[in-house]
N, C-alpha and C. Protein backbone atom coordinates (compact mmCIF):
# COMPACT_ATOMS: atom_id res chain seq x y z
N MET A 1 28.00 -61.33 -58.63
CA MET A 1 27.93 -62.53 -57.88
C MET A 1 28.70 -62.33 -56.58
N PRO A 2 28.17 -62.88 -55.48
CA PRO A 2 28.83 -62.69 -54.19
C PRO A 2 30.17 -63.42 -54.16
N ALA A 3 31.09 -62.84 -53.41
CA ALA A 3 32.45 -63.37 -53.38
C ALA A 3 32.53 -64.71 -52.67
N PHE A 4 31.67 -64.98 -51.70
CA PHE A 4 31.79 -66.26 -50.98
C PHE A 4 31.27 -67.44 -51.78
N LEU A 5 30.68 -67.19 -52.94
CA LEU A 5 30.24 -68.30 -53.78
C LEU A 5 31.34 -68.77 -54.76
N THR A 6 32.39 -68.07 -54.81
CA THR A 6 33.49 -68.46 -55.71
C THR A 6 34.45 -69.38 -54.98
N GLY A 7 35.21 -70.15 -55.65
CA GLY A 7 36.15 -71.10 -55.05
C GLY A 7 37.34 -70.40 -54.41
N TYR A 8 37.73 -69.27 -54.95
CA TYR A 8 38.88 -68.55 -54.43
C TYR A 8 38.62 -68.09 -53.00
N PHE A 9 37.37 -67.72 -52.66
CA PHE A 9 37.03 -67.22 -51.34
C PHE A 9 37.34 -68.26 -50.27
N TRP A 10 37.15 -69.55 -50.58
CA TRP A 10 37.33 -70.60 -49.59
C TRP A 10 38.79 -71.06 -49.50
N ASP A 11 39.65 -70.44 -50.14
CA ASP A 11 41.07 -70.77 -50.06
C ASP A 11 41.61 -70.24 -48.74
N LEU A 12 42.41 -71.09 -48.01
CA LEU A 12 42.88 -70.68 -46.68
C LEU A 12 43.91 -69.57 -46.75
N SER A 13 44.46 -69.27 -47.90
CA SER A 13 45.43 -68.19 -48.01
C SER A 13 44.73 -66.87 -48.35
N ASN A 14 43.45 -66.88 -48.49
CA ASN A 14 42.69 -65.67 -48.81
C ASN A 14 42.39 -64.89 -47.51
N PRO A 15 42.85 -63.63 -47.43
CA PRO A 15 42.61 -62.85 -46.21
C PRO A 15 41.12 -62.55 -46.00
N GLU A 16 40.35 -62.46 -47.02
CA GLU A 16 38.92 -62.18 -46.88
C GLU A 16 38.24 -63.34 -46.18
N PHE A 17 38.72 -64.58 -46.43
CA PHE A 17 38.18 -65.75 -45.76
C PHE A 17 38.38 -65.62 -44.26
N TRP A 18 39.60 -65.26 -43.85
CA TRP A 18 39.89 -65.13 -42.42
C TRP A 18 39.15 -63.97 -41.78
N VAL A 19 38.88 -62.94 -42.53
CA VAL A 19 38.05 -61.83 -42.01
C VAL A 19 36.65 -62.34 -41.78
N GLY A 20 36.13 -63.13 -42.67
CA GLY A 20 34.78 -63.69 -42.51
C GLY A 20 34.72 -64.63 -41.32
N VAL A 21 35.82 -65.51 -41.15
CA VAL A 21 35.86 -66.43 -40.01
C VAL A 21 35.91 -65.63 -38.70
N GLY A 22 36.71 -64.57 -38.68
CA GLY A 22 36.82 -63.73 -37.48
C GLY A 22 35.48 -63.06 -37.13
N LEU A 23 34.80 -62.68 -38.20
CA LEU A 23 33.51 -62.04 -37.98
C LEU A 23 32.51 -63.04 -37.41
N VAL A 24 32.52 -64.28 -37.91
CA VAL A 24 31.61 -65.31 -37.42
C VAL A 24 31.96 -65.62 -35.97
N ILE A 25 33.26 -65.75 -35.65
CA ILE A 25 33.67 -66.03 -34.28
C ILE A 25 33.26 -64.86 -33.36
N PHE A 26 33.43 -63.64 -33.82
CA PHE A 26 33.06 -62.47 -33.02
C PHE A 26 31.56 -62.50 -32.71
N PHE A 27 30.75 -62.80 -33.76
CA PHE A 27 29.30 -62.86 -33.52
C PHE A 27 28.95 -64.00 -32.57
N ALA A 28 29.63 -65.11 -32.66
CA ALA A 28 29.37 -66.25 -31.76
C ALA A 28 29.71 -65.86 -30.32
N ILE A 29 30.83 -65.18 -30.11
CA ILE A 29 31.21 -64.73 -28.77
C ILE A 29 30.19 -63.73 -28.24
N VAL A 30 29.77 -62.85 -29.07
CA VAL A 30 28.79 -61.84 -28.67
C VAL A 30 27.51 -62.51 -28.25
N VAL A 31 27.05 -63.49 -29.03
CA VAL A 31 25.80 -64.19 -28.71
C VAL A 31 25.98 -64.99 -27.44
N LEU A 32 27.12 -65.70 -27.29
CA LEU A 32 27.35 -66.51 -26.10
C LEU A 32 27.51 -65.65 -24.84
N ALA A 33 28.06 -64.48 -24.98
CA ALA A 33 28.26 -63.59 -23.84
C ALA A 33 26.93 -62.97 -23.40
N GLY A 34 25.90 -63.08 -24.17
CA GLY A 34 24.59 -62.56 -23.80
C GLY A 34 24.42 -61.08 -24.12
N VAL A 35 25.19 -60.58 -25.03
CA VAL A 35 25.08 -59.17 -25.39
C VAL A 35 23.70 -58.84 -25.95
N PRO A 36 23.07 -59.70 -26.77
CA PRO A 36 21.73 -59.34 -27.24
C PRO A 36 20.73 -59.17 -26.10
N LYS A 37 20.88 -60.03 -25.03
CA LYS A 37 19.99 -59.86 -23.88
C LYS A 37 20.27 -58.53 -23.18
N LEU A 38 21.56 -58.21 -23.05
CA LEU A 38 21.91 -56.94 -22.40
C LEU A 38 21.39 -55.75 -23.20
N VAL A 39 21.53 -55.84 -24.51
CA VAL A 39 21.04 -54.75 -25.38
C VAL A 39 19.52 -54.67 -25.29
N ALA A 40 18.86 -55.84 -25.31
CA ALA A 40 17.40 -55.85 -25.21
C ALA A 40 16.95 -55.30 -23.86
N THR A 41 17.67 -55.71 -22.78
CA THR A 41 17.34 -55.20 -21.45
C THR A 41 17.54 -53.69 -21.38
N ALA A 42 18.65 -53.21 -21.93
CA ALA A 42 18.92 -51.76 -21.93
C ALA A 42 17.86 -51.02 -22.73
N LEU A 43 17.49 -51.60 -23.87
CA LEU A 43 16.45 -50.95 -24.69
C LEU A 43 15.11 -50.97 -23.97
N ASP A 44 14.81 -52.10 -23.29
CA ASP A 44 13.56 -52.17 -22.54
C ASP A 44 13.55 -51.15 -21.41
N ALA A 45 14.70 -51.01 -20.72
CA ALA A 45 14.80 -50.03 -19.63
C ALA A 45 14.63 -48.61 -20.17
N LYS A 46 15.25 -48.38 -21.32
CA LYS A 46 15.13 -47.05 -21.94
C LYS A 46 13.68 -46.80 -22.35
N ALA A 47 13.03 -47.82 -22.91
CA ALA A 47 11.63 -47.69 -23.32
C ALA A 47 10.74 -47.45 -22.11
N ALA A 48 11.03 -48.18 -21.00
CA ALA A 48 10.23 -48.00 -19.78
C ALA A 48 10.43 -46.59 -19.23
N LYS A 49 11.66 -46.09 -19.27
CA LYS A 49 11.92 -44.72 -18.80
C LYS A 49 11.20 -43.71 -19.67
N ILE A 50 11.25 -43.91 -20.95
CA ILE A 50 10.54 -43.00 -21.88
C ILE A 50 9.04 -43.06 -21.61
N GLN A 51 8.52 -44.29 -21.39
CA GLN A 51 7.09 -44.43 -21.11
C GLN A 51 6.72 -43.73 -19.81
N SER A 52 7.57 -43.88 -18.77
CA SER A 52 7.27 -43.21 -17.49
C SER A 52 7.35 -41.69 -17.66
N ASP A 53 8.31 -41.23 -18.46
CA ASP A 53 8.40 -39.79 -18.74
C ASP A 53 7.14 -39.31 -19.46
N LEU A 54 6.66 -40.10 -20.43
CA LEU A 54 5.43 -39.72 -21.14
C LEU A 54 4.23 -39.72 -20.20
N ASP A 55 4.17 -40.74 -19.31
CA ASP A 55 3.07 -40.77 -18.33
C ASP A 55 3.13 -39.57 -17.40
N GLU A 56 4.35 -39.23 -16.96
CA GLU A 56 4.52 -38.07 -16.08
C GLU A 56 4.11 -36.79 -16.82
N ALA A 57 4.50 -36.68 -18.07
CA ALA A 57 4.13 -35.51 -18.86
C ALA A 57 2.62 -35.43 -19.03
N ALA A 58 1.97 -36.56 -19.27
CA ALA A 58 0.52 -36.57 -19.39
C ALA A 58 -0.14 -36.18 -18.08
N ARG A 59 0.41 -36.69 -16.94
CA ARG A 59 -0.14 -36.33 -15.64
C ARG A 59 0.03 -34.84 -15.37
N LEU A 60 1.22 -34.31 -15.68
CA LEU A 60 1.47 -32.88 -15.49
C LEU A 60 0.57 -32.03 -16.39
N ARG A 61 0.35 -32.52 -17.61
CA ARG A 61 -0.53 -31.79 -18.52
C ARG A 61 -1.96 -31.76 -17.97
N ALA A 62 -2.41 -32.92 -17.46
CA ALA A 62 -3.75 -32.99 -16.88
C ALA A 62 -3.87 -32.05 -15.68
N GLU A 63 -2.82 -32.02 -14.84
CA GLU A 63 -2.83 -31.11 -13.70
C GLU A 63 -2.86 -29.66 -14.17
N ALA A 64 -2.06 -29.35 -15.20
CA ALA A 64 -2.02 -27.99 -15.73
C ALA A 64 -3.38 -27.59 -16.29
N GLU A 65 -4.02 -28.51 -17.00
CA GLU A 65 -5.34 -28.21 -17.56
C GLU A 65 -6.36 -28.00 -16.44
N ALA A 66 -6.26 -28.83 -15.38
CA ALA A 66 -7.17 -28.67 -14.24
C ALA A 66 -6.94 -27.32 -13.56
N MET A 67 -5.67 -26.96 -13.40
CA MET A 67 -5.35 -25.66 -12.78
C MET A 67 -5.83 -24.51 -13.66
N LEU A 68 -5.67 -24.67 -14.99
CA LEU A 68 -6.14 -23.64 -15.91
C LEU A 68 -7.65 -23.48 -15.82
N ALA A 69 -8.35 -24.60 -15.76
CA ALA A 69 -9.81 -24.54 -15.63
C ALA A 69 -10.20 -23.88 -14.31
N GLN A 70 -9.48 -24.22 -13.23
CA GLN A 70 -9.77 -23.63 -11.93
C GLN A 70 -9.50 -22.12 -11.96
N ILE A 71 -8.39 -21.73 -12.57
CA ILE A 71 -8.05 -20.31 -12.66
C ILE A 71 -9.09 -19.56 -13.48
N ARG A 72 -9.54 -20.17 -14.57
CA ARG A 72 -10.58 -19.53 -15.39
C ARG A 72 -11.87 -19.37 -14.60
N ALA A 73 -12.22 -20.40 -13.82
CA ALA A 73 -13.43 -20.33 -12.99
C ALA A 73 -13.28 -19.23 -11.93
N GLU A 74 -12.10 -19.17 -11.29
CA GLU A 74 -11.86 -18.13 -10.29
C GLU A 74 -11.89 -16.75 -10.93
N LYS A 75 -11.35 -16.65 -12.14
CA LYS A 75 -11.36 -15.36 -12.84
C LYS A 75 -12.78 -14.94 -13.14
N ALA A 76 -13.60 -15.89 -13.61
CA ALA A 76 -15.00 -15.58 -13.90
C ALA A 76 -15.73 -15.17 -12.63
N GLU A 77 -15.45 -15.88 -11.53
CA GLU A 77 -16.08 -15.54 -10.25
C GLU A 77 -15.63 -14.16 -9.78
N ALA A 78 -14.34 -13.86 -9.93
CA ALA A 78 -13.82 -12.55 -9.53
C ALA A 78 -14.43 -11.45 -10.38
N GLU A 79 -14.58 -11.70 -11.68
CA GLU A 79 -15.21 -10.70 -12.54
C GLU A 79 -16.66 -10.47 -12.15
N ALA A 80 -17.36 -11.56 -11.80
CA ALA A 80 -18.76 -11.43 -11.37
C ALA A 80 -18.82 -10.64 -10.06
N GLN A 81 -17.91 -10.94 -9.14
CA GLN A 81 -17.88 -10.19 -7.88
C GLN A 81 -17.56 -8.72 -8.14
N ALA A 82 -16.63 -8.46 -9.05
CA ALA A 82 -16.29 -7.08 -9.37
C ALA A 82 -17.49 -6.34 -9.96
N LYS A 83 -18.24 -7.02 -10.83
CA LYS A 83 -19.43 -6.40 -11.40
C LYS A 83 -20.46 -6.12 -10.31
N ASP A 84 -20.63 -7.08 -9.40
CA ASP A 84 -21.57 -6.88 -8.29
C ASP A 84 -21.13 -5.71 -7.42
N MET A 85 -19.83 -5.67 -7.12
CA MET A 85 -19.32 -4.58 -6.28
C MET A 85 -19.50 -3.24 -6.98
N LEU A 86 -19.26 -3.21 -8.29
CA LEU A 86 -19.42 -1.98 -9.05
C LEU A 86 -20.88 -1.54 -9.04
N ALA A 87 -21.79 -2.49 -9.26
CA ALA A 87 -23.22 -2.16 -9.25
C ALA A 87 -23.64 -1.66 -7.86
N THR A 88 -23.14 -2.31 -6.82
CA THR A 88 -23.46 -1.88 -5.45
C THR A 88 -22.91 -0.49 -5.19
N ALA A 89 -21.68 -0.25 -5.63
CA ALA A 89 -21.07 1.07 -5.43
C ALA A 89 -21.84 2.15 -6.18
N GLU A 90 -22.27 1.84 -7.40
CA GLU A 90 -23.04 2.81 -8.17
C GLU A 90 -24.38 3.10 -7.49
N ALA A 91 -25.03 2.05 -7.00
CA ALA A 91 -26.31 2.24 -6.31
C ALA A 91 -26.10 3.07 -5.04
N GLU A 92 -25.04 2.77 -4.31
CA GLU A 92 -24.75 3.52 -3.08
C GLU A 92 -24.44 4.98 -3.41
N ALA A 93 -23.70 5.20 -4.50
CA ALA A 93 -23.39 6.58 -4.91
C ALA A 93 -24.66 7.33 -5.28
N LYS A 94 -25.57 6.66 -5.99
CA LYS A 94 -26.84 7.31 -6.35
C LYS A 94 -27.66 7.62 -5.10
N ARG A 95 -27.67 6.67 -4.15
CA ARG A 95 -28.42 6.89 -2.92
C ARG A 95 -27.83 8.07 -2.14
N LEU A 96 -26.49 8.09 -2.03
CA LEU A 96 -25.83 9.19 -1.33
C LEU A 96 -26.07 10.52 -2.03
N GLU A 97 -26.07 10.48 -3.36
CA GLU A 97 -26.34 11.70 -4.12
C GLU A 97 -27.75 12.20 -3.85
N ALA A 98 -28.72 11.28 -3.84
CA ALA A 98 -30.10 11.67 -3.56
C ALA A 98 -30.24 12.22 -2.15
N GLU A 99 -29.57 11.57 -1.17
CA GLU A 99 -29.62 12.07 0.20
C GLU A 99 -29.00 13.46 0.29
N ALA A 100 -27.86 13.65 -0.39
CA ALA A 100 -27.19 14.95 -0.36
C ALA A 100 -28.08 16.02 -0.99
N LYS A 101 -28.73 15.67 -2.11
CA LYS A 101 -29.64 16.63 -2.75
C LYS A 101 -30.77 17.00 -1.81
N ALA A 102 -31.34 15.98 -1.16
CA ALA A 102 -32.46 16.24 -0.24
C ALA A 102 -32.00 17.12 0.91
N LYS A 103 -30.81 16.84 1.46
CA LYS A 103 -30.30 17.66 2.56
C LYS A 103 -30.04 19.09 2.10
N ILE A 104 -29.47 19.22 0.90
CA ILE A 104 -29.19 20.57 0.38
C ILE A 104 -30.50 21.32 0.16
N GLU A 105 -31.48 20.65 -0.43
CA GLU A 105 -32.77 21.32 -0.67
C GLU A 105 -33.44 21.67 0.65
N GLU A 106 -33.34 20.77 1.62
CA GLU A 106 -33.93 21.05 2.94
C GLU A 106 -33.23 22.23 3.59
N GLY A 107 -31.90 22.26 3.52
CA GLY A 107 -31.14 23.37 4.08
C GLY A 107 -31.48 24.69 3.39
N LEU A 108 -31.58 24.63 2.06
CA LEU A 108 -31.95 25.84 1.32
C LEU A 108 -33.35 26.31 1.69
N ALA A 109 -34.27 25.36 1.84
CA ALA A 109 -35.64 25.74 2.21
C ALA A 109 -35.64 26.38 3.61
N ARG A 110 -34.88 25.79 4.55
CA ARG A 110 -34.81 26.37 5.89
C ARG A 110 -34.20 27.77 5.84
N ARG A 111 -33.12 27.92 5.08
CA ARG A 111 -32.49 29.24 4.99
C ARG A 111 -33.42 30.26 4.34
N GLN A 112 -34.13 29.80 3.32
CA GLN A 112 -35.06 30.70 2.65
C GLN A 112 -36.18 31.11 3.62
N ALA A 113 -36.70 30.14 4.38
CA ALA A 113 -37.77 30.46 5.34
C ALA A 113 -37.24 31.40 6.41
N LEU A 114 -36.01 31.15 6.88
CA LEU A 114 -35.41 32.02 7.88
C LEU A 114 -35.22 33.43 7.32
N ALA A 115 -34.74 33.49 6.07
CA ALA A 115 -34.55 34.80 5.44
C ALA A 115 -35.88 35.52 5.29
N GLU A 116 -36.92 34.79 4.89
CA GLU A 116 -38.25 35.41 4.74
C GLU A 116 -38.76 35.90 6.09
N ARG A 117 -38.55 35.11 7.15
CA ARG A 117 -38.98 35.55 8.50
C ARG A 117 -38.22 36.79 8.92
N ARG A 118 -36.90 36.80 8.64
CA ARG A 118 -36.11 37.97 9.00
C ARG A 118 -36.57 39.21 8.22
N ILE A 119 -36.84 38.99 6.93
CA ILE A 119 -37.31 40.13 6.11
C ILE A 119 -38.65 40.64 6.64
N ALA A 120 -39.55 39.71 6.96
CA ALA A 120 -40.86 40.11 7.48
C ALA A 120 -40.69 40.85 8.81
N GLN A 121 -39.79 40.34 9.66
CA GLN A 121 -39.55 41.01 10.95
C GLN A 121 -38.96 42.39 10.72
N ALA A 122 -38.01 42.46 9.75
CA ALA A 122 -37.40 43.76 9.45
C ALA A 122 -38.44 44.74 8.91
N GLU A 123 -39.35 44.24 8.04
CA GLU A 123 -40.42 45.10 7.53
C GLU A 123 -41.32 45.57 8.67
N LYS A 124 -41.66 44.65 9.57
CA LYS A 124 -42.52 44.99 10.71
C LYS A 124 -41.83 46.01 11.61
N ASP A 125 -40.51 45.77 11.88
CA ASP A 125 -39.77 46.73 12.70
C ASP A 125 -39.67 48.10 12.04
N ALA A 126 -39.41 48.07 10.70
CA ALA A 126 -39.32 49.34 9.97
C ALA A 126 -40.67 50.07 10.00
N THR A 127 -41.76 49.32 9.82
CA THR A 127 -43.10 49.93 9.86
C THR A 127 -43.36 50.54 11.25
N ASN A 128 -43.00 49.79 12.27
CA ASN A 128 -43.20 50.30 13.64
C ASN A 128 -42.35 51.54 13.89
N GLU A 129 -41.10 51.51 13.39
CA GLU A 129 -40.24 52.69 13.57
C GLU A 129 -40.80 53.90 12.82
N VAL A 130 -41.30 53.65 11.59
CA VAL A 130 -41.88 54.76 10.81
C VAL A 130 -43.11 55.32 11.53
N LYS A 131 -43.96 54.41 12.05
CA LYS A 131 -45.15 54.85 12.78
C LYS A 131 -44.77 55.65 14.02
N ALA A 132 -43.75 55.15 14.74
CA ALA A 132 -43.31 55.85 15.94
C ALA A 132 -42.73 57.21 15.60
N ALA A 133 -41.92 57.23 14.50
CA ALA A 133 -41.34 58.52 14.09
C ALA A 133 -42.43 59.48 13.65
N ALA A 134 -43.44 58.96 12.93
CA ALA A 134 -44.55 59.83 12.49
C ALA A 134 -45.34 60.33 13.69
N ALA A 135 -45.54 59.46 14.68
CA ALA A 135 -46.27 59.87 15.88
C ALA A 135 -45.49 60.93 16.64
N ASP A 136 -44.14 60.71 16.74
CA ASP A 136 -43.33 61.72 17.42
C ASP A 136 -43.36 63.04 16.67
N LEU A 137 -43.25 62.95 15.36
CA LEU A 137 -43.25 64.16 14.54
C LEU A 137 -44.60 64.85 14.64
N ALA A 138 -45.67 64.08 14.62
CA ALA A 138 -47.01 64.67 14.71
C ALA A 138 -47.22 65.32 16.08
N SER A 139 -46.73 64.62 17.13
CA SER A 139 -46.93 65.21 18.46
C SER A 139 -46.10 66.47 18.62
N LYS A 140 -44.87 66.48 18.06
CA LYS A 140 -44.06 67.70 18.12
C LYS A 140 -44.70 68.83 17.34
N ALA A 141 -45.23 68.46 16.13
CA ALA A 141 -45.89 69.51 15.33
C ALA A 141 -47.13 70.03 16.06
N ALA A 142 -47.85 69.10 16.66
CA ALA A 142 -49.04 69.53 17.39
C ALA A 142 -48.64 70.40 18.58
N HIS A 143 -47.55 70.01 19.24
CA HIS A 143 -47.10 70.79 20.37
C HIS A 143 -46.71 72.20 19.95
N GLN A 144 -45.99 72.27 18.81
CA GLN A 144 -45.58 73.59 18.32
C GLN A 144 -46.80 74.43 17.92
N ILE A 145 -47.72 73.78 17.23
CA ILE A 145 -48.92 74.54 16.80
C ILE A 145 -49.71 74.99 18.02
N LEU A 146 -49.86 74.10 18.96
CA LEU A 146 -50.63 74.44 20.16
C LEU A 146 -49.93 75.51 20.98
N SER A 147 -48.60 75.37 21.02
CA SER A 147 -47.86 76.38 21.78
C SER A 147 -48.02 77.74 21.14
N ALA A 148 -47.98 77.75 19.82
CA ALA A 148 -48.11 79.03 19.12
C ALA A 148 -49.52 79.59 19.30
N ARG A 149 -50.51 78.78 19.29
CA ARG A 149 -51.89 79.25 19.45
C ARG A 149 -52.15 79.65 20.90
N LEU A 150 -51.56 78.88 21.79
CA LEU A 150 -51.79 79.21 23.20
C LEU A 150 -51.11 80.52 23.56
N ALA A 151 -50.05 80.74 22.90
CA ALA A 151 -49.39 82.00 23.16
C ALA A 151 -50.28 83.14 22.68
N GLY A 152 -51.00 82.92 21.61
CA GLY A 152 -51.88 83.95 21.07
C GLY A 152 -53.26 83.91 21.73
N ALA A 153 -53.71 82.78 22.13
CA ALA A 153 -55.03 82.68 22.73
C ALA A 153 -54.95 81.68 23.86
N LYS A 154 -55.83 81.89 24.80
CA LYS A 154 -55.77 81.06 25.97
C LYS A 154 -56.32 79.69 25.71
N SER A 155 -57.39 79.51 25.03
CA SER A 155 -57.92 78.19 24.78
C SER A 155 -58.70 78.21 23.50
N ASP A 156 -58.57 77.16 22.79
CA ASP A 156 -59.29 76.99 21.52
C ASP A 156 -60.00 75.67 21.61
N PRO A 157 -61.31 75.63 21.45
CA PRO A 157 -62.03 74.38 21.60
C PRO A 157 -61.62 73.35 20.56
N LYS A 158 -61.29 73.75 19.36
CA LYS A 158 -60.90 72.79 18.33
C LYS A 158 -59.56 72.16 18.67
N VAL A 159 -58.64 72.91 19.23
CA VAL A 159 -57.33 72.39 19.60
C VAL A 159 -57.50 71.40 20.73
N ASP A 160 -58.34 71.72 21.69
CA ASP A 160 -58.56 70.80 22.79
C ASP A 160 -59.15 69.49 22.30
N GLU A 161 -60.06 69.60 21.37
CA GLU A 161 -60.67 68.39 20.80
C GLU A 161 -59.64 67.58 20.02
N ALA A 162 -58.76 68.22 19.23
CA ALA A 162 -57.73 67.54 18.45
C ALA A 162 -56.72 66.86 19.36
N ILE A 163 -56.37 67.51 20.45
CA ILE A 163 -55.41 66.95 21.38
C ILE A 163 -55.98 65.70 22.03
N SER A 164 -57.22 65.73 22.36
CA SER A 164 -57.82 64.55 22.99
C SER A 164 -57.94 63.38 22.00
N GLN A 165 -58.02 63.65 20.71
CA GLN A 165 -58.15 62.57 19.72
C GLN A 165 -56.78 62.03 19.28
N ILE A 166 -55.72 62.77 19.46
CA ILE A 166 -54.39 62.34 19.03
C ILE A 166 -53.95 61.04 19.72
N GLY A 167 -54.18 60.95 20.98
CA GLY A 167 -53.77 59.75 21.73
C GLY A 167 -54.43 58.49 21.22
N SER A 168 -55.71 58.57 20.87
CA SER A 168 -56.41 57.37 20.40
C SER A 168 -56.06 57.02 18.96
N LYS A 169 -55.72 57.99 18.14
CA LYS A 169 -55.40 57.73 16.74
C LYS A 169 -53.97 57.23 16.54
N LEU A 170 -53.08 57.60 17.39
CA LEU A 170 -51.69 57.21 17.22
C LEU A 170 -51.42 55.77 17.66
N ASN A 171 -52.16 55.26 18.52
CA ASN A 171 -51.92 53.91 19.01
C ASN A 171 -52.81 53.00 18.26
């Protein structure tokens, strides 16, 4: 049973009675001084500050999400550009490779044709030199034979005929 329901509690010599009276007076002063309004105002201010902090956090989060989306879009665009640049570079490399091959083949064909012309010219020169050497050798041999015959005989009709034909056969 609660103590304030007993008769002893209401006795003026009871210290618990005076503690209760002091407590009631304290609460009355607190209420009259407007402390509940001050506490309510402070709590409302604190709640408003918390609400503004939450709103600011939500705004910052929305900004962060927007920036993240923008960064992802820029990243995707950069990757697409990189792929395009890579494809362009590969195509350019293939084109340059084909041009280089064509130039190399053209150069080789020109060198081969030049070498073939030089070989043909060398063969022609060698043939002409051999013909000239054979003609010189034949004319020297004919001269020696004719000299030897002329020394033995004054004229030989066959030698005269051979000498006249040498000039036309050698050229």
